[in-house]
Amino acid sequence: MASKSDVSLCVSDFNKEKYRQGKNGKFYYDVTVSTSDETNSYGQNVSVIEKQTKEERTAEKKAQYLGNGGTFWTTGTISLVEKINNEKAAEIEVTDDLSF
């Protein structure tokens, strides 16, 4: 399946403690994207939240909402991806001097 969505994110809401640096030296921020079958009153069906750790989910910590948008193209079917066990990226201390 394929789909395309436009999403607007509020980058000022990103938790700087959750930035991570990959082996390639670039910085990443993990998010969870939810696509609904229903469209809200703003014409949107996509929402983006900060990806939570297992501990945060278990503690039922409220998710940090980052943005929303809408799907503008789809083939109509979404398939689950196969989980791949990747090595975690190096942990880093993030400061306010990022280039973006």
PDB file of N, CA and C in Angstrom:
ATOM      1  N   MET A   1       0.836  -1.174   0.000  1.00  0.00           N
ATOM      2  CA  MET A   1       0.000   0.000   0.000  1.00  0.00           C
ATOM      3  C   MET A   1       0.869   1.220   0.000  1.00  0.00           C
ATOM      4  N   ALA A   2       0.313   2.214  -0.494  1.00  0.00           N
ATOM      5  CA  ALA A   2       1.008   3.492  -0.484  1.00  0.00           C
ATOM      6  C   ALA A   2       0.016   4.576  -0.126  1.00  0.00           C
ATOM      7  N   SER A   3       0.507   5.592   0.527  1.00  0.00           N
ATOM      8  CA  SER A   3      -0.317   6.770   0.793  1.00  0.00           C
ATOM      9  C   SER A   3       0.619   7.955   0.962  1.00  0.00           C
ATOM     10  N   LYS A   4       0.097   9.117   0.742  1.00  0.00           N
ATOM     11  CA  LYS A   4       0.849  10.346   0.934  1.00  0.00           C
ATOM     12  C   LYS A   4       0.001  11.293   1.759  1.00  0.00           C
ATOM     13  N   SER A   5       0.652  11.942   2.720  1.00  0.00           N
ATOM     14  CA  SER A   5      -0.038  12.875   3.597  1.00  0.00           C
ATOM     15  C   SER A   5       0.811  14.120   3.765  1.00  0.00           C
ATOM     16  N   ASP A   6       0.149  15.261   3.874  1.00  0.00           N
ATOM     17  CA  ASP A   6       0.817  16.507   4.237  1.00  0.00           C
ATOM     18  C   ASP A   6       0.620  16.697   5.726  1.00  0.00           C
ATOM     19  N   VAL A   7       1.688  17.040   6.439  1.00  0.00           N
ATOM     20  CA  VAL A   7       1.631  17.200   7.891  1.00  0.00           C
ATOM     21  C   VAL A   7       2.354  18.476   8.279  1.00  0.00           C
ATOM     22  N   SER A   8       1.792  19.200   9.244  1.00  0.00           N
ATOM     23  CA  SER A   8       2.417  20.394   9.788  1.00  0.00           C
ATOM     24  C   SER A   8       2.828  20.097  11.225  1.00  0.00           C
ATOM     25  N   LEU A   9       4.130  20.226  11.528  1.00  0.00           N
ATOM     26  CA  LEU A   9       4.640  19.933  12.859  1.00  0.00           C
ATOM     27  C   LEU A   9       5.075  21.211  13.565  1.00  0.00           C
ATOM     28  N   CYS A  10       4.817  21.289  14.857  1.00  0.00           N
ATOM     29  CA  CYS A  10       5.269  22.411  15.672  1.00  0.00           C
ATOM     30  C   CYS A  10       6.623  22.030  16.273  1.00  0.00           C
ATOM     31  N   VAL A  11       7.713  22.384  15.602  1.00  0.00           N
ATOM     32  CA  VAL A  11       9.040  21.957  16.045  1.00  0.00           C
ATOM     33  C   VAL A  11       9.443  22.565  17.383  1.00  0.00           C
ATOM     34  N   SER A  12       8.824  23.664  17.767  1.00  0.00           N
ATOM     35  CA  SER A  12       9.148  24.240  19.076  1.00  0.00           C
ATOM     36  C   SER A  12       8.650  23.355  20.214  1.00  0.00           C
ATOM     37  N   ASP A  13       7.744  22.411  19.931  1.00  0.00           N
ATOM     38  CA  ASP A  13       7.259  21.475  20.945  1.00  0.00           C
ATOM     39  C   ASP A  13       8.120  20.223  21.061  1.00  0.00           C
ATOM     40  N   PHE A  14       9.131  20.067  20.213  1.00  0.00           N
ATOM     41  CA  PHE A  14       9.998  18.891  20.284  1.00  0.00           C
ATOM     42  C   PHE A  14      10.787  18.922  21.587  1.00  0.00           C
ATOM     43  N   ASN A  15      10.812  17.816  22.291  1.00  0.00           N
ATOM     44  CA  ASN A  15      11.552  17.663  23.534  1.00  0.00           C
ATOM     45  C   ASN A  15      13.024  17.425  23.174  1.00  0.00           C
ATOM     46  N   LYS A  16      13.882  18.381  23.437  1.00  0.00           N
ATOM     47  CA  LYS A  16      15.294  18.288  23.039  1.00  0.00           C
ATOM     48  C   LYS A  16      15.997  17.078  23.645  1.00  0.00           C
ATOM     49  N   GLU A  17      15.493  16.570  24.765  1.00  0.00           N
ATOM     50  CA  GLU A  17      16.090  15.387  25.389  1.00  0.00           C
ATOM     51  C   GLU A  17      15.862  14.131  24.563  1.00  0.00           C
ATOM     52  N   LYS A  18      14.925  14.182  23.611  1.00  0.00           N
ATOM     53  CA  LYS A  18      14.609  12.993  22.824  1.00  0.00           C
ATOM     54  C   LYS A  18      15.281  12.983  21.447  1.00  0.00           C
ATOM     55  N   TYR A  19      16.091  14.004  21.144  1.00  0.00           N
ATOM     56  CA  TYR A  19      16.874  13.940  19.917  1.00  0.00           C
ATOM     57  C   TYR A  19      17.882  12.803  20.084  1.00  0.00           C
ATOM     58  N   ARG A  20      18.181  12.119  18.999  1.00  0.00           N
ATOM     59  CA  ARG A  20      19.214  11.091  19.055  1.00  0.00           C
ATOM     60  C   ARG A  20      20.096  11.238  17.824  1.00  0.00           C
ATOM     61  N   GLN A  21      21.330  10.823  17.967  1.00  0.00           N
ATOM     62  CA  GLN A  21      22.275  10.927  16.874  1.00  0.00           C
ATOM     63  C   GLN A  21      22.531   9.546  16.297  1.00  0.00           C
ATOM     64  N   GLY A  22      22.375   9.428  14.996  1.00  0.00           N
ATOM     65  CA  GLY A  22      22.620   8.167  14.316  1.00  0.00           C
ATOM     66  C   GLY A  22      24.101   7.947  14.073  1.00  0.00           C
ATOM     67  N   LYS A  23      24.424   6.751  13.602  1.00  0.00           N
ATOM     68  CA  LYS A  23      25.814   6.412  13.299  1.00  0.00           C
ATOM     69  C   LYS A  23      26.380   7.307  12.211  1.00  0.00           C
ATOM     70  N   ASN A  24      25.502   7.884  11.396  1.00  0.00           N
ATOM     71  CA  ASN A  24      25.940   8.776  10.319  1.00  0.00           C
ATOM     72  C   ASN A  24      26.208  10.193  10.818  1.00  0.00           C
ATOM     73  N   GLY A  25      25.992  10.445  12.124  1.00  0.00           N
ATOM     74  CA  GLY A  25      26.247  11.755  12.705  1.00  0.00           C
ATOM     75  C   GLY A  25      25.062  12.704  12.621  1.00  0.00           C
ATOM     76  N   LYS A  26      24.013  12.319  11.906  1.00  0.00           N
ATOM     77  CA  LYS A  26      22.831  13.178  11.776  1.00  0.00           C
ATOM     78  C   LYS A  26      21.930  13.005  12.993  1.00  0.00           C
ATOM     79  N   PHE A  27      21.090  14.027  13.248  1.00  0.00           N
ATOM     80  CA  PHE A  27      20.178  14.003  14.380  1.00  0.00           C
ATOM     81  C   PHE A  27      18.791  13.556  13.929  1.00  0.00           C
ATOM     82  N   TYR A  28      18.140  12.773  14.792  1.00  0.00           N
ATOM     83  CA  TYR A  28      16.813  12.237  14.497  1.00  0.00           C
ATOM     84  C   TYR A  28      15.874  12.498  15.666  1.00  0.00           C
ATOM     85  N   TYR A  29      14.585  12.538  15.347  1.00  0.00           N
ATOM     86  CA  TYR A  29      13.546  12.693  16.357  1.00  0.00           C
ATOM     87  C   TYR A  29      12.435  11.715  15.998  1.00  0.00           C
ATOM     88  N   ASP A  30      12.175  10.752  16.859  1.00  0.00           N
ATOM     89  CA  ASP A  30      11.210   9.704  16.559  1.00  0.00           C
ATOM     90  C   ASP A  30       9.794  10.152  16.895  1.00  0.00           C
ATOM     91  N   VAL A  31       8.895   9.930  15.956  1.00  0.00           N
ATOM     92  CA  VAL A  31       7.493  10.299  16.132  1.00  0.00           C
ATOM     93  C   VAL A  31       6.606   9.108  15.788  1.00  0.00           C
ATOM     94  N   THR A  32       5.370   9.187  16.222  1.00  0.00           N
ATOM     95  CA  THR A  32       4.346   8.219  15.856  1.00  0.00           C
ATOM     96  C   THR A  32       3.306   8.954  15.026  1.00  0.00           C
ATOM     97  N   VAL A  33       2.985   8.394  13.869  1.00  0.00           N
ATOM     98  CA  VAL A  33       2.002   8.996  12.965  1.00  0.00           C
ATOM     99  C   VAL A  33       0.757   8.121  12.983  1.00  0.00           C
ATOM    100  N   SER A  34      -0.379   8.740  13.215  1.00  0.00           N
ATOM    101  CA  SER A  34      -1.654   8.035  13.242  1.00  0.00           C
ATOM    102  C   SER A  34      -2.532   8.532  12.104  1.00  0.00           C
ATOM    103  N   THR A  35      -3.040   7.597  11.311  1.00  0.00           N
ATOM    104  CA  THR A  35      -3.952   7.943  10.226  1.00  0.00           C
ATOM    105  C   THR A  35      -5.310   7.350  10.544  1.00  0.00           C
ATOM    106  N   SER A  36      -6.315   8.187  10.606  1.00  0.00           N
ATOM    107  CA  SER A  36      -7.669   7.764  10.953  1.00  0.00           C
ATOM    108  C   SER A  36      -8.499   7.505   9.695  1.00  0.00           C
ATOM    109  N   ASP A  37      -9.486   6.654   9.826  1.00  0.00           N
ATOM    110  CA  ASP A  37     -10.439   6.426   8.733  1.00  0.00           C
ATOM    111  C   ASP A  37     -11.436   7.575   8.632  1.00  0.00           C
ATOM    112  N   GLU A  38     -11.538   8.366   9.690  1.00  0.00           N
ATOM    113  CA  GLU A  38     -12.481   9.477   9.750  1.00  0.00           C
ATOM    114  C   GLU A  38     -11.751  10.806   9.581  1.00  0.00           C
ATOM    115  N   THR A  39     -12.395  11.766   8.961  1.00  0.00           N
ATOM    116  CA  THR A  39     -11.855  13.118   8.813  1.00  0.00           C
ATOM    117  C   THR A  39     -12.472  14.000   9.882  1.00  0.00           C
ATOM    118  N   ASN A  40     -11.638  14.811  10.564  1.00  0.00           N
ATOM    119  CA  ASN A  40     -12.177  15.687  11.607  1.00  0.00           C
ATOM    120  C   ASN A  40     -12.811  16.941  10.994  1.00  0.00           C
ATOM    121  N   SER A  41     -13.285  17.827  11.838  1.00  0.00           N
ATOM    122  CA  SER A  41     -13.986  19.024  11.369  1.00  0.00           C
ATOM    123  C   SER A  41     -13.066  20.009  10.656  1.00  0.00           C
ATOM    124  N   TYR A  42     -11.741  19.782  10.721  1.00  0.00           N
ATOM    125  CA  TYR A  42     -10.777  20.631  10.025  1.00  0.00           C
ATOM    126  C   TYR A  42     -10.302  20.009   8.709  1.00  0.00           C
ATOM    127  N   GLY A  43     -10.895  18.882   8.335  1.00  0.00           N
ATOM    128  CA  GLY A  43     -10.505  18.197   7.106  1.00  0.00           C
ATOM    129  C   GLY A  43      -9.199  17.433   7.245  1.00  0.00           C
ATOM    130  N   GLN A  44      -8.891  16.986   8.459  1.00  0.00           N
ATOM    131  CA  GLN A  44      -7.639  16.277   8.723  1.00  0.00           C
ATOM    132  C   GLN A  44      -7.913  14.857   9.210  1.00  0.00           C
ATOM    133  N   ASN A  45      -7.023  13.940   8.857  1.00  0.00           N
ATOM    134  CA  ASN A  45      -7.136  12.573   9.361  1.00  0.00           C
ATOM    135  C   ASN A  45      -5.792  11.995   9.801  1.00  0.00           C
ATOM    136  N   VAL A  46      -4.759  12.854   9.893  1.00  0.00           N
ATOM    137  CA  VAL A  46      -3.429  12.415  10.303  1.00  0.00           C
ATOM    138  C   VAL A  46      -3.000  13.233  11.518  1.00  0.00           C
ATOM    139  N   SER A  47      -2.480  12.547  12.539  1.00  0.00           N
ATOM    140  CA  SER A  47      -1.921  13.257  13.694  1.00  0.00           C
ATOM    141  C   SER A  47      -0.544  12.692  13.990  1.00  0.00           C
ATOM    142  N   VAL A  48       0.311  13.531  14.586  1.00  0.00           N
ATOM    143  CA  VAL A  48       1.683  13.150  14.896  1.00  0.00           C
ATOM    144  C   VAL A  48       1.936  13.437  16.368  1.00  0.00           C
ATOM    145  N   ILE A  49       2.470  12.436  17.073  1.00  0.00           N
ATOM    146  CA  ILE A  49       2.834  12.588  18.477  1.00  0.00           C
ATOM    147  C   ILE A  49       4.292  12.158  18.645  1.00  0.00           C
ATOM    148  N   GLU A  50       4.899  12.601  19.725  1.00  0.00           N
ATOM    149  CA  GLU A  50       6.249  12.178  20.084  1.00  0.00           C
ATOM    150  C   GLU A  50       6.210  10.685  20.404  1.00  0.00           C
ATOM    151  N   LYS A  51       7.140   9.917  19.837  1.00  0.00           N
ATOM    152  CA  LYS A  51       7.183   8.481  20.111  1.00  0.00           C
ATOM    153  C   LYS A  51       7.467   8.265  21.595  1.00  0.00           C
ATOM    154  N   GLN A  52       6.684   7.400  22.225  1.00  0.00           N
ATOM    155  CA  GLN A  52       6.849   7.124  23.650  1.00  0.00           C
ATOM    156  C   GLN A  52       7.648   5.845  23.869  1.00  0.00           C
ATOM    157  N   THR A  53       8.379   5.828  24.973  1.00  0.00           N
ATOM    158  CA  THR A  53       9.085   4.612  25.369  1.00  0.00           C
ATOM    159  C   THR A  53       8.073   3.638  25.976  1.00  0.00           C
ATOM    160  N   LYS A  54       8.477   2.395  26.127  1.00  0.00           N
ATOM    161  CA  LYS A  54       7.616   1.398  26.758  1.00  0.00           C
ATOM    162  C   LYS A  54       7.248   1.834  28.172  1.00  0.00           C
ATOM    163  N   GLU A  55       8.235   2.405  28.882  1.00  0.00           N
ATOM    164  CA  GLU A  55       7.988   2.869  30.251  1.00  0.00           C
ATOM    165  C   GLU A  55       6.956   3.999  30.284  1.00  0.00           C
ATOM    166  N   GLU A  56       7.038   4.920  29.331  1.00  0.00           N
ATOM    167  CA  GLU A  56       6.069   6.023  29.274  1.00  0.00           C
ATOM    168  C   GLU A  56       4.667   5.500  28.977  1.00  0.00           C
ATOM    169  N   ARG A  57       4.578   4.520  28.087  1.00  0.00           N
ATOM    170  CA  ARG A  57       3.262   3.938  27.779  1.00  0.00           C
ATOM    171  C   ARG A  57       2.699   3.187  28.976  1.00  0.00           C
ATOM    172  N   THR A  58       3.567   2.414  29.662  1.00  0.00           N
ATOM    173  CA  THR A  58       3.133   1.656  30.831  1.00  0.00           C
ATOM    174  C   THR A  58       2.640   2.592  31.934  1.00  0.00           C
ATOM    175  N   ALA A  59       3.333   3.716  32.116  1.00  0.00           N
ATOM    176  CA  ALA A  59       2.942   4.701  33.132  1.00  0.00           C
ATOM    177  C   ALA A  59       1.759   5.557  32.673  1.00  0.00           C
ATOM    178  N   GLU A  60       1.274   5.290  31.458  1.00  0.00           N
ATOM    179  CA  GLU A  60       0.159   6.032  30.864  1.00  0.00           C
ATOM    180  C   GLU A  60       0.425   7.532  30.829  1.00  0.00           C
ATOM    181  N   LYS A  61       1.691   7.888  30.523  1.00  0.00           N
ATOM    182  CA  LYS A  61       2.057   9.297  30.385  1.00  0.00           C
ATOM    183  C   LYS A  61       1.337   9.868  29.158  1.00  0.00           C
ATOM    184  N   LYS A  62       0.811  11.063  29.317  1.00  0.00           N
ATOM    185  CA  LYS A  62       0.127  11.710  28.216  1.00  0.00           C
ATOM    186  C   LYS A  62       1.111  11.976  27.073  1.00  0.00           C
ATOM    187  N   ALA A  63       0.720  11.639  25.863  1.00  0.00           N
ATOM    188  CA  ALA A  63       1.588  11.812  24.698  1.00  0.00           C
ATOM    189  C   ALA A  63       1.703  13.290  24.336  1.00  0.00           C
ATOM    190  N   GLN A  64       2.889  13.690  23.850  1.00  0.00           N
ATOM    191  CA  GLN A  64       3.128  15.061  23.398  1.00  0.00           C
ATOM    192  C   GLN A  64       2.654  15.179  21.953  1.00  0.00           C
ATOM    193  N   TYR A  65       1.594  15.933  21.734  1.00  0.00           N
ATOM    194  CA  TYR A  65       1.050  16.180  20.410  1.00  0.00           C
ATOM    195  C   TYR A  65       1.956  17.147  19.666  1.00  0.00           C
ATOM    196  N   LEU A  66       2.320  16.816  18.422  1.00  0.00           N
ATOM    197  CA  LEU A  66       3.254  17.640  17.653  1.00  0.00           C
ATOM    198  C   LEU A  66       2.652  18.264  16.391  1.00  0.00           C
ATOM    199  N   GLY A  67       1.589  17.690  15.870  1.00  0.00           N
ATOM    200  CA  GLY A  67       1.026  18.264  14.648  1.00  0.00           C
ATOM    201  C   GLY A  67      -0.045  17.395  14.034  1.00  0.00           C
ATOM    202  N   ASN A  68      -0.543  17.861  12.890  1.00  0.00           N
ATOM    203  CA  ASN A  68      -1.615  17.149  12.212  1.00  0.00           C
ATOM    204  C   ASN A  68      -1.559  17.418  10.714  1.00  0.00           C
ATOM    205  N   GLY A  69      -2.414  16.756   9.994  1.00  0.00           N
ATOM    206  CA  GLY A  69      -2.464  16.947   8.551  1.00  0.00           C
ATOM    207  C   GLY A  69      -3.509  16.042   7.932  1.00  0.00           C
ATOM    208  N   GLY A  70      -3.364  15.797   6.647  1.00  0.00           N
ATOM    209  CA  GLY A  70      -4.352  14.993   5.952  1.00  0.00           C
ATOM    210  C   GLY A  70      -3.733  14.167   4.839  1.00  0.00           C
ATOM    211  N   THR A  71      -4.330  13.002   4.610  1.00  0.00           N
ATOM    212  CA  THR A  71      -3.918  12.138   3.520  1.00  0.00           C
ATOM    213  C   THR A  71      -4.516  12.686   2.233  1.00  0.00           C
ATOM    214  N   PHE A  72      -3.678  12.831   1.203  1.00  0.00           N
ATOM    215  CA  PHE A  72      -4.195  13.351  -0.057  1.00  0.00           C
ATOM    216  C   PHE A  72      -4.133  12.324  -1.181  1.00  0.00           C
ATOM    217  N   TRP A  73      -3.510  11.149  -0.929  1.00  0.00           N
ATOM    218  CA  TRP A  73      -3.474  10.087  -1.935  1.00  0.00           C
ATOM    219  C   TRP A  73      -3.269   8.753  -1.247  1.00  0.00           C
ATOM    220  N   THR A  74      -3.967   7.725  -1.699  1.00  0.00           N
ATOM    221  CA  THR A  74      -3.811   6.389  -1.141  1.00  0.00           C
ATOM    222  C   THR A  74      -4.291   5.347  -2.142  1.00  0.00           C
ATOM    223  N   THR A  75      -3.735   4.150  -2.024  1.00  0.00           N
ATOM    224  CA  THR A  75      -4.220   3.028  -2.817  1.00  0.00           C
ATOM    225  C   THR A  75      -5.350   2.320  -2.082  1.00  0.00           C
ATOM    226  N   GLY A  76      -5.591   2.696  -0.835  1.00  0.00           N
ATOM    227  CA  GLY A  76      -6.728   2.163  -0.098  1.00  0.00           C
ATOM    228  C   GLY A  76      -6.436   1.065   0.900  1.00  0.00           C
ATOM    229  N   THR A  77      -5.221   0.552   0.941  1.00  0.00           N
ATOM    230  CA  THR A  77      -4.875  -0.526   1.863  1.00  0.00           C
ATOM    231  C   THR A  77      -3.562  -0.202   2.556  1.00  0.00           C
ATOM    232  N   ILE A  78      -3.515  -0.430   3.872  1.00  0.00           N
ATOM    233  CA  ILE A  78      -2.281  -0.216   4.622  1.00  0.00           C
ATOM    234  C   ILE A  78      -1.804  -1.573   5.134  1.00  0.00           C
ATOM    235  N   SER A  79      -0.539  -1.888   4.907  1.00  0.00           N
ATOM    236  CA  SER A  79       0.054  -3.145   5.355  1.00  0.00           C
ATOM    237  C   SER A  79       0.971  -2.884   6.537  1.00  0.00           C
ATOM    238  N   LEU A  80       1.034  -3.848   7.454  1.00  0.00           N
ATOM    239  CA  LEU A  80       1.959  -3.742   8.577  1.00  0.00           C
ATOM    240  C   LEU A  80       3.370  -4.048   8.096  1.00  0.00           C
ATOM    241  N   VAL A  81       4.358  -3.354   8.672  1.00  0.00           N
ATOM    242  CA  VAL A  81       5.752  -3.623   8.326  1.00  0.00           C
ATOM    243  C   VAL A  81       6.307  -4.687   9.264  1.00  0.00           C
ATOM    244  N   GLU A  82       7.302  -5.411   8.780  1.00  0.00           N
ATOM    245  CA  GLU A  82       7.968  -6.407   9.601  1.00  0.00           C
ATOM    246  C   GLU A  82       8.964  -5.704  10.508  1.00  0.00           C
ATOM    247  N   LYS A  83       8.923  -6.007  11.809  1.00  0.00           N
ATOM    248  CA  LYS A  83       9.852  -5.396  12.761  1.00  0.00           C
ATOM    249  C   LYS A  83      11.257  -5.929  12.520  1.00  0.00           C
ATOM    250  N   ILE A  84      12.220  -5.019  12.526  1.00  0.00           N
ATOM    251  CA  ILE A  84      13.621  -5.379  12.376  1.00  0.00           C
ATOM    252  C   ILE A  84      14.340  -4.929  13.633  1.00  0.00           C
ATOM    253  N   ASN A  85      15.124  -5.800  14.232  1.00  0.00           N
ATOM    254  CA  ASN A  85      15.836  -5.478  15.465  1.00  0.00           C
ATOM    255  C   ASN A  85      17.127  -4.745  15.114  1.00  0.00           C
ATOM    256  N   ASN A  86      17.100  -3.413  15.223  1.00  0.00           N
ATOM    257  CA  ASN A  86      18.281  -2.596  14.936  1.00  0.00           C
ATOM    258  C   ASN A  86      18.996  -2.226  16.219  1.00  0.00           C
ATOM    259  N   GLU A  87      20.301  -2.026  16.114  1.00  0.00           N
ATOM    260  CA  GLU A  87      21.092  -1.552  17.236  1.00  0.00           C
ATOM    261  C   GLU A  87      20.693  -0.114  17.534  1.00  0.00           C
ATOM    262  N   LYS A  88      20.544   0.239  18.804  1.00  0.00           N
ATOM    263  CA  LYS A  88      20.165   1.606  19.161  1.00  0.00           C
ATOM    264  C   LYS A  88      21.264   2.580  18.779  1.00  0.00           C
ATOM    265  N   ALA A  89      20.851   3.775  18.377  1.00  0.00           N
ATOM    266  CA  ALA A  89      21.810   4.826  18.033  1.00  0.00           C
ATOM    267  C   ALA A  89      22.500   5.317  19.295  1.00  0.00           C
ATOM    268  N   ALA A  90      23.640   5.914  19.116  1.00  0.00           N
ATOM    269  CA  ALA A  90      24.415   6.435  20.247  1.00  0.00           C
ATOM    270  C   ALA A  90      23.613   7.499  20.985  1.00  0.00           C
ATOM    271  N   GLU A  91      23.675   7.460  22.303  1.00  0.00           N
ATOM    272  CA  GLU A  91      22.994   8.471  23.096  1.00  0.00           C
ATOM    273  C   GLU A  91      23.884   9.707  23.163  1.00  0.00           C
ATOM    274  N   ILE A  92      23.250  10.876  23.090  1.00  0.00           N
ATOM    275  CA  ILE A  92      24.010  12.124  23.079  1.00  0.00           C
ATOM    276  C   ILE A  92      23.340  13.139  23.977  1.00  0.00           C
ATOM    277  N   GLU A  93      24.074  14.132  24.336  1.00  0.00           N
ATOM    278  CA  GLU A  93      23.513  15.272  25.046  1.00  0.00           C
ATOM    279  C   GLU A  93      23.201  16.330  24.002  1.00  0.00           C
ATOM    280  N   VAL A  94      21.968  16.796  23.988  1.00  0.00           N
ATOM    281  CA  VAL A  94      21.558  17.778  22.987  1.00  0.00           C
ATOM    282  C   VAL A  94      21.506  19.147  23.629  1.00  0.00           C
ATOM    283  N   THR A  95      22.064  20.118  22.938  1.00  0.00           N
ATOM    284  CA  THR A  95      22.034  21.494  23.411  1.00  0.00           C
ATOM    285  C   THR A  95      21.186  22.326  22.466  1.00  0.00           C
ATOM    286  N   ASP A  96      20.997  23.586  22.779  1.00  0.00           N
ATOM    287  CA  ASP A  96      20.182  24.469  21.948  1.00  0.00           C
ATOM    288  C   ASP A  96      20.902  24.961  20.704  1.00  0.00           C
ATOM    289  N   ASP A  97      22.128  24.536  20.466  1.00  0.00           N
ATOM    290  CA  ASP A  97      22.879  25.056  19.338  1.00  0.00           C
ATOM    291  C   ASP A  97      22.762  24.210  18.059  1.00  0.00           C
ATOM    292  N   LEU A  98      21.652  23.469  17.927  1.00  0.00           N
ATOM    293  CA  LEU A  98      21.434  22.706  16.702  1.00  0.00           C
ATOM    294  C   LEU A  98      21.229  23.663  15.543  1.00  0.00           C
ATOM    295  N   SER A  99      21.575  23.224  14.363  1.00  0.00           N
ATOM    296  CA  SER A  99      21.565  24.108  13.200  1.00  0.00           C
ATOM    297  C   SER A  99      20.186  24.334  12.601  1.00  0.00           C
ATOM    298  N   PHE A 100      19.140  23.801  13.199  1.00  0.00           N
ATOM    299  CA  PHE A 100      17.794  23.997  12.636  1.00  0.00           C
ATOM    300  C   PHE A 100      16.821  24.530  13.640  1.00  0.00           C
TER     301      PHE A 100
END
